[in-house]
PDB file of N, CA and C in Angstrom:
ATOM      1  N   UNK A   1       5.696  15.151   5.311  1.00  0.00           N
ATOM      2  CA  UNK A   1       5.098  14.476   6.010  1.00  0.00           C
ATOM      3  C   UNK A   1       4.389  14.780   7.305  1.00  0.00           C
ATOM      4  N   UNK A   2       3.126  14.736   7.664  1.00  0.00           N
ATOM      5  CA  UNK A   2       2.794  15.087   9.103  1.00  0.00           C
ATOM      6  C   UNK A   2       2.875  13.978   9.906  1.00  0.00           C
ATOM      7  N   UNK A   3       2.822  13.839  10.937  1.00  0.00           N
ATOM      8  CA  UNK A   3       2.663  13.209  11.894  1.00  0.00           C
ATOM      9  C   UNK A   3       1.749  12.063  11.653  1.00  0.00           C
ATOM     10  N   UNK A   4       0.228  12.540  11.637  1.00  0.00           N
ATOM     11  CA  UNK A   4      -0.686  11.945  11.622  1.00  0.00           C
ATOM     12  C   UNK A   4      -0.745  10.900  10.350  1.00  0.00           C
ATOM     13  N   UNK A   5      -0.201  11.489   9.110  1.00  0.00           N
ATOM     14  CA  UNK A   5       0.312  10.802   7.636  1.00  0.00           C
ATOM     15  C   UNK A   5       1.233   9.508   8.011  1.00  0.00           C
ATOM     16  N   UNK A   6       2.238   9.888   8.754  1.00  0.00           N
ATOM     17  CA  UNK A   6       2.978   9.117   9.225  1.00  0.00           C
ATOM     18  C   UNK A   6       2.809   7.798   9.758  1.00  0.00           C
ATOM     19  N   UNK A   7       1.905   8.101  10.855  1.00  0.00           N
ATOM     20  CA  UNK A   7       1.280   7.062  11.707  1.00  0.00           C
ATOM     21  C   UNK A   7       0.571   6.207  11.025  1.00  0.00           C
ATOM     22  N   UNK A   8      -0.552   6.529   9.937  1.00  0.00           N
ATOM     23  CA  UNK A   8      -1.086   5.968   8.988  1.00  0.00           C
ATOM     24  C   UNK A   8      -0.676   5.219   8.174  1.00  0.00           C
ATOM     25  N   UNK A   9       0.503   5.628   7.731  1.00  0.00           N
ATOM     26  CA  UNK A   9       1.367   4.819   6.522  1.00  0.00           C
ATOM     27  C   UNK A   9       1.986   3.578   7.468  1.00  0.00           C
ATOM     28  N   UNK A  10       2.440   4.043   8.754  1.00  0.00           N
ATOM     29  CA  UNK A  10       3.100   3.072   9.325  1.00  0.00           C
ATOM     30  C   UNK A  10       1.913   1.650   9.785  1.00  0.00           C
ATOM     31  N   UNK A  11       0.766   2.398  10.333  1.00  0.00           N
ATOM     32  CA  UNK A  11      -0.489   1.203  10.217  1.00  0.00           C
ATOM     33  C   UNK A  11      -0.415   0.337   9.060  1.00  0.00           C
ATOM     34  N   UNK A  12      -0.305   0.907   7.591  1.00  0.00           N
ATOM     35  CA  UNK A  12      -0.755   0.316   6.757  1.00  0.00           C
ATOM     36  C   UNK A  12       0.752  -0.788   6.351  1.00  0.00           C
ATOM     37  N   UNK A  13       1.794  -0.323   6.637  1.00  0.00           N
ATOM     38  CA  UNK A  13       3.049  -1.009   6.583  1.00  0.00           C
ATOM     39  C   UNK A  13       3.042  -2.334   7.087  1.00  0.00           C
ATOM     40  N   UNK A  14       1.931  -2.513   8.120  1.00  0.00           N
ATOM     41  CA  UNK A  14       1.769  -3.696   8.899  1.00  0.00           C
ATOM     42  C   UNK A  14       1.044  -5.107   7.932  1.00  0.00           C
ATOM     43  N   UNK A  15       0.541  -4.389   6.755  1.00  0.00           N
ATOM     44  CA  UNK A  15       0.090  -5.249   6.005  1.00  0.00           C
ATOM     45  C   UNK A  15       1.014  -6.367   5.244  1.00  0.00           C
ATOM     46  N   UNK A  16       2.234  -5.714   4.943  1.00  0.00           N
ATOM     47  CA  UNK A  16       3.104  -6.663   4.472  1.00  0.00           C
ATOM     48  C   UNK A  16       3.351  -7.890   5.295  1.00  0.00           C
ATOM     49  N   UNK A  17       4.177  -8.738   4.369  1.00  0.00           N
ATOM     50  CA  UNK A  17       4.523 -10.062   5.272  1.00  0.00           C
ATOM     51  C   UNK A  17       3.405 -10.764   5.824  1.00  0.00           C
ATOM     52  N   UNK A  18       2.574 -10.755   5.147  1.00  0.00           N
ATOM     53  CA  UNK A  18       1.344 -11.871   5.848  1.00  0.00           C
ATOM     54  C   UNK A  18       0.556 -10.885   6.437  1.00  0.00           C
ATOM     55  N   UNK A  19       0.556  -9.652   6.656  1.00  0.00           N
ATOM     56  CA  UNK A  19      -0.691  -8.860   7.441  1.00  0.00           C
ATOM     57  C   UNK A  19      -2.085  -9.221   6.930  1.00  0.00           C
ATOM     58  N   UNK A  20      -2.095  -8.798   5.234  1.00  0.00           N
ATOM     59  CA  UNK A  20      -2.950  -9.251   4.362  1.00  0.00           C
ATOM     60  C   UNK A  20      -2.349  -9.775   3.447  1.00  0.00           C
ATOM     61  N   UNK A  21      -3.026 -10.817   2.723  1.00  0.00           N
ATOM     62  CA  UNK A  21      -2.477 -11.460   1.657  1.00  0.00           C
ATOM     63  C   UNK A  21      -2.152 -10.911   0.435  1.00  0.00           C
ATOM     64  N   UNK A  22      -1.209 -10.969  -0.281  1.00  0.00           N
ATOM     65  CA  UNK A  22      -1.080 -10.298  -1.429  1.00  0.00           C
ATOM     66  C   UNK A  22      -0.367  -8.887  -1.450  1.00  0.00           C
ATOM     67  N   UNK A  23      -0.492  -8.268   0.070  1.00  0.00           N
ATOM     68  CA  UNK A  23       0.136  -6.862  -0.093  1.00  0.00           C
ATOM     69  C   UNK A  23       1.886  -6.836  -0.048  1.00  0.00           C
ATOM     70  N   UNK A  24       2.681  -6.360  -1.162  1.00  0.00           N
ATOM     71  CA  UNK A  24       4.156  -6.656  -1.223  1.00  0.00           C
ATOM     72  C   UNK A  24       4.828  -5.366  -1.120  1.00  0.00           C
ATOM     73  N   UNK A  25       4.155  -4.279  -0.936  1.00  0.00           N
ATOM     74  CA  UNK A  25       4.537  -2.735  -0.542  1.00  0.00           C
ATOM     75  C   UNK A  25       3.629  -1.751  -0.098  1.00  0.00           C
ATOM     76  N   UNK A  26       4.144  -0.856   0.524  1.00  0.00           N
ATOM     77  CA  UNK A  26       3.134   0.160   0.877  1.00  0.00           C
ATOM     78  C   UNK A  26       4.076   1.464   0.957  1.00  0.00           C
ATOM     79  N   UNK A  27       3.715   2.620   0.531  1.00  0.00           N
ATOM     80  CA  UNK A  27       4.444   3.726   0.171  1.00  0.00           C
ATOM     81  C   UNK A  27       3.515   5.055  -0.083  1.00  0.00           C
ATOM     82  N   UNK A  28       4.081   6.234   0.584  1.00  0.00           N
ATOM     83  CA  UNK A  28       2.947   7.243   0.584  1.00  0.00           C
ATOM     84  C   UNK A  28       3.230   7.656  -0.938  1.00  0.00           C
ATOM     85  N   UNK A  29       1.923   8.577  -1.327  1.00  0.00           N
ATOM     86  CA  UNK A  29       1.432   8.842  -2.446  1.00  0.00           C
ATOM     87  C   UNK A  29       0.542  10.281  -2.370  1.00  0.00           C
ATOM     88  N   UNK A  30       0.618  10.902  -3.627  1.00  0.00           N
ATOM     89  CA  UNK A  30      -0.304  12.061  -3.621  1.00  0.00           C
ATOM     90  C   UNK A  30      -1.365  11.473  -4.699  1.00  0.00           C
ATOM     91  N   UNK A  31      -2.816  12.186  -4.439  1.00  0.00           N
ATOM     92  CA  UNK A  31      -3.759  12.177  -5.126  1.00  0.00           C
ATOM     93  C   UNK A  31      -3.844  13.219  -6.363  1.00  0.00           C
ATOM     94  N   UNK A  32      -4.470  13.291  -7.558  1.00  0.00           N
ATOM     95  CA  UNK A  32      -4.447  14.090  -8.183  1.00  0.00           C
ATOM     96  C   UNK A  32      -4.726  15.399  -7.945  1.00  0.00           C
ATOM     97  N   UNK A  33      -5.308  15.531  -6.885  1.00  0.00           N
ATOM     98  CA  UNK A  33      -5.536  16.992  -6.199  1.00  0.00           C
ATOM     99  C   UNK A  33      -4.554  17.300  -5.317  1.00  0.00           C
ATOM    100  N   UNK A  34      -3.700  16.818  -4.896  1.00  0.00           N
ATOM    101  CA  UNK A  34      -2.172  16.922  -4.174  1.00  0.00           C
ATOM    102  C   UNK A  34      -2.267  16.557  -2.854  1.00  0.00           C
ATOM    103  N   UNK A  35      -3.632  15.950  -2.321  1.00  0.00           N
ATOM    104  CA  UNK A  35      -3.682  15.600  -1.220  1.00  0.00           C
ATOM    105  C   UNK A  35      -2.738  14.275  -0.920  1.00  0.00           C
ATOM    106  N   UNK A  36      -2.279  13.826   0.132  1.00  0.00           N
ATOM    107  CA  UNK A  36      -1.602  12.619   0.560  1.00  0.00           C
ATOM    108  C   UNK A  36      -2.507  11.422   0.212  1.00  0.00           C
ATOM    109  N   UNK A  37      -2.066  10.041   0.060  1.00  0.00           N
ATOM    110  CA  UNK A  37      -2.872   8.888   0.198  1.00  0.00           C
ATOM    111  C   UNK A  37      -1.964   7.846   0.146  1.00  0.00           C
ATOM    112  N   UNK A  38      -2.535   6.679   0.741  1.00  0.00           N
ATOM    113  CA  UNK A  38      -1.532   5.537   0.877  1.00  0.00           C
ATOM    114  C   UNK A  38      -1.524   4.761  -0.453  1.00  0.00           C
ATOM    115  N   UNK A  39      -0.440   4.339  -1.042  1.00  0.00           N
ATOM    116  CA  UNK A  39      -0.261   3.272  -1.808  1.00  0.00           C
ATOM    117  C   UNK A  39       0.323   1.978  -1.416  1.00  0.00           C
ATOM    118  N   UNK A  40      -0.861   1.206  -2.115  1.00  0.00           N
ATOM    119  CA  UNK A  40      -0.687  -0.087  -1.592  1.00  0.00           C
ATOM    120  C   UNK A  40      -0.296  -0.996  -2.879  1.00  0.00           C
ATOM    121  N   UNK A  41       0.726  -1.963  -2.782  1.00  0.00           N
ATOM    122  CA  UNK A  41       1.123  -2.444  -4.126  1.00  0.00           C
ATOM    123  C   UNK A  41       1.037  -4.024  -3.743  1.00  0.00           C
ATOM    124  N   UNK A  42       0.175  -4.715  -4.613  1.00  0.00           N
ATOM    125  CA  UNK A  42      -0.252  -6.011  -4.182  1.00  0.00           C
ATOM    126  C   UNK A  42       0.060  -6.954  -5.439  1.00  0.00           C
ATOM    127  N   UNK A  43       0.357  -8.095  -5.381  1.00  0.00           N
ATOM    128  CA  UNK A  43       0.099  -9.228  -6.366  1.00  0.00           C
ATOM    129  C   UNK A  43      -1.450  -9.369  -7.427  1.00  0.00           C
ATOM    130  N   UNK A  44      -1.173  -9.788  -8.502  1.00  0.00           N
ATOM    131  CA  UNK A  44      -2.425  -9.328  -9.370  1.00  0.00           C
ATOM    132  C   UNK A  44      -3.200 -10.717  -8.858  1.00  0.00           C
ATOM    133  N   UNK A  45      -2.982 -11.675  -8.343  1.00  0.00           N
ATOM    134  CA  UNK A  45      -3.839 -12.922  -8.190  1.00  0.00           C
ATOM    135  C   UNK A  45      -4.348 -13.136  -6.929  1.00  0.00           C
ATOM    136  N   UNK A  46      -3.889 -12.085  -6.000  1.00  0.00           N
ATOM    137  CA  UNK A  46      -4.244 -12.407  -4.418  1.00  0.00           C
ATOM    138  C   UNK A  46      -5.541 -11.584  -4.474  1.00  0.00           C
ATOM    139  N   UNK A  47      -6.320 -12.142  -3.469  1.00  0.00           N
ATOM    140  CA  UNK A  47      -7.661 -11.187  -3.109  1.00  0.00           C
ATOM    141  C   UNK A  47      -7.487 -10.507  -1.972  1.00  0.00           C
ATOM    142  N   UNK A  48      -7.355  -8.800  -2.548  1.00  0.00           N
ATOM    143  CA  UNK A  48      -7.145  -7.853  -1.777  1.00  0.00           C
ATOM    144  C   UNK A  48      -8.532  -7.085  -1.029  1.00  0.00           C
ATOM    145  N   UNK A  49      -9.550  -8.067  -1.134  1.00  0.00           N
ATOM    146  CA  UNK A  49     -10.827  -7.449  -0.286  1.00  0.00           C
ATOM    147  C   UNK A  49     -10.655  -6.975   0.912  1.00  0.00           C
ATOM    148  N   UNK A  50      -9.752  -7.491   1.747  1.00  0.00           N
ATOM    149  CA  UNK A  50      -9.614  -6.907   2.885  1.00  0.00           C
ATOM    150  C   UNK A  50      -8.904  -5.847   3.290  1.00  0.00           C
ATOM    151  N   UNK A  51      -8.641  -5.183   2.132  1.00  0.00           N
ATOM    152  CA  UNK A  51      -7.883  -3.694   2.334  1.00  0.00           C
ATOM    153  C   UNK A  51      -9.267  -2.810   2.461  1.00  0.00           C
ATOM    154  N   UNK A  52      -9.153  -1.782   3.489  1.00  0.00           N
ATOM    155  CA  UNK A  52      -9.828  -0.836   3.607  1.00  0.00           C
ATOM    156  C   UNK A  52      -9.746   0.572   2.906  1.00  0.00           C
ATOM    157  N   UNK A  53     -10.663   1.330   2.571  1.00  0.00           N
ATOM    158  CA  UNK A  53     -10.638   2.353   1.693  1.00  0.00           C
ATOM    159  C   UNK A  53      -9.847   3.435   1.815  1.00  0.00           C
ATOM    160  N   UNK A  54      -9.671   3.468   3.596  1.00  0.00           N
ATOM    161  CA  UNK A  54      -8.825   4.481   3.948  1.00  0.00           C
ATOM    162  C   UNK A  54      -8.313   4.228   5.364  1.00  0.00           C
ATOM    163  N   UNK A  55      -7.104   4.536   5.736  1.00  0.00           N
ATOM    164  CA  UNK A  55      -6.463   4.497   7.038  1.00  0.00           C
ATOM    165  C   UNK A  55      -6.438   5.827   7.769  1.00  0.00           C
ATOM    166  N   UNK A  56      -6.947   5.779   8.615  1.00  0.00           N
ATOM    167  CA  UNK A  56      -6.927   7.108   9.588  1.00  0.00           C
ATOM    168  C   UNK A  56      -7.537   8.402   8.760  1.00  0.00           C
ATOM    169  N   UNK A  57      -8.334   8.351   7.584  1.00  0.00           N
ATOM    170  CA  UNK A  57      -8.959   9.327   6.839  1.00  0.00           C
ATOM    171  C   UNK A  57      -8.120   9.775   5.523  1.00  0.00           C
ATOM    172  N   UNK A  58      -6.828   8.819   5.365  1.00  0.00           N
ATOM    173  CA  UNK A  58      -6.286   8.874   4.119  1.00  0.00           C
ATOM    174  C   UNK A  58      -6.511   7.877   3.397  1.00  0.00           C
ATOM    175  N   UNK A  59      -6.769   8.151   2.093  1.00  0.00           N
ATOM    176  CA  UNK A  59      -7.442   7.273   1.198  1.00  0.00           C
ATOM    177  C   UNK A  59      -6.169   6.333   0.689  1.00  0.00           C
ATOM    178  N   UNK A  60      -6.755   5.099   0.477  1.00  0.00           N
ATOM    179  CA  UNK A  60      -5.896   3.604   0.170  1.00  0.00           C
ATOM    180  C   UNK A  60      -5.961   3.616  -1.609  1.00  0.00           C
ATOM    181  N   UNK A  61      -4.904   3.766  -2.295  1.00  0.00           N
ATOM    182  CA  UNK A  61      -4.902   3.271  -3.623  1.00  0.00           C
ATOM    183  C   UNK A  61      -4.138   2.055  -3.957  1.00  0.00           C
ATOM    184  N   UNK A  62      -4.552   1.406  -4.523  1.00  0.00           N
ATOM    185  CA  UNK A  62      -4.178   0.002  -4.925  1.00  0.00           C
ATOM    186  C   UNK A  62      -3.456  -0.202  -6.193  1.00  0.00           C
ATOM    187  N   UNK A  63      -2.267  -0.732  -6.172  1.00  0.00           N
ATOM    188  CA  UNK A  63      -1.644  -0.941  -7.588  1.00  0.00           C
ATOM    189  C   UNK A  63      -1.115  -2.118  -7.542  1.00  0.00           C
ATOM    190  N   UNK A  64      -1.471  -2.713  -8.791  1.00  0.00           N
ATOM    191  CA  UNK A  64      -1.207  -3.988  -9.197  1.00  0.00           C
ATOM    192  C   UNK A  64       0.181  -4.203  -9.469  1.00  0.00           C
ATOM    193  N   UNK A  65       1.004  -5.099  -9.176  1.00  0.00           N
ATOM    194  CA  UNK A  65       2.634  -5.058  -9.431  1.00  0.00           C
ATOM    195  C   UNK A  65       2.620  -5.668 -10.915  1.00  0.00           C
ATOM    196  N   UNK A  66       1.520  -6.233 -11.221  1.00  0.00           N
ATOM    197  CA  UNK A  66       1.981  -7.201 -12.380  1.00  0.00           C
ATOM    198  C   UNK A  66       2.269  -8.513 -12.346  1.00  0.00           C
ATOM    199  N   UNK A  67       2.908  -8.934 -11.306  1.00  0.00           N
ATOM    200  CA  UNK A  67       3.293 -10.103 -11.024  1.00  0.00           C
ATOM    201  C   UNK A  67       4.416 -10.243 -10.546  1.00  0.00           C
ATOM    202  N   UNK A  68       4.840 -11.361 -10.112  1.00  0.00           N
ATOM    203  CA  UNK A  68       6.293 -11.528  -9.155  1.00  0.00           C
ATOM    204  C   UNK A  68       7.325 -10.988  -9.844  1.00  0.00           C
ATOM    205  N   UNK A  69       8.308 -10.397  -9.200  1.00  0.00           N
ATOM    206  CA  UNK A  69       9.542  -9.903  -9.448  1.00  0.00           C
ATOM    207  C   UNK A  69      10.419 -10.759  -9.021  1.00  0.00           C
ATOM    208  N   UNK A  70      11.410 -11.205  -9.795  1.00  0.00           N
ATOM    209  CA  UNK A  70      12.684 -11.912  -9.324  1.00  0.00           C
ATOM    210  C   UNK A  70      13.867 -10.803  -9.660  1.00  0.00           C
ATOM    211  N   UNK A  71      14.466 -10.797  -8.393  1.00  0.00           N
ATOM    212  CA  UNK A  71      15.965 -10.289  -8.704  1.00  0.00           C
ATOM    213  C   UNK A  71      16.895 -10.611  -9.187  1.00  0.00           C
ATOM    214  N   UNK A  72      17.742 -10.114  -9.749  1.00  0.00           N
ATOM    215  CA  UNK A  72      18.990 -10.666 -10.555  1.00  0.00           C
ATOM    216  C   UNK A  72      19.918 -10.181  -9.992  1.00  0.00           C
ATOM    217  N   UNK A  73      21.046 -11.125 -10.145  1.00  0.00           N
ATOM    218  CA  UNK A  73      22.596 -10.606  -9.689  1.00  0.00           C
ATOM    219  C   UNK A  73      23.329 -10.224 -10.970  1.00  0.00           C
ATOM    220  N   UNK A  74      23.824  -9.366 -10.664  1.00  0.00           N
ATOM    221  CA  UNK A  74      24.701  -8.780 -11.710  1.00  0.00           C
ATOM    222  C   UNK A  74      26.245  -9.504 -11.672  1.00  0.00           C
TER     223      UNK A  74
END
């Protein structure tokens, strides 16, 4: 991972925890052509219209989590 991509990923990570409503995760990803992208995990019922299409030139790919996930104890 290049320094530029790491910086862009760090900026996107700030969207979690209230930075942008509905963002529950951010991760590095790869587009079909092999180039890097930023994967943003969102709750399905939140308005993610505030999300940009790219961060520092790296495309943002939005993935719906399918709903809330509840952790279970073993």
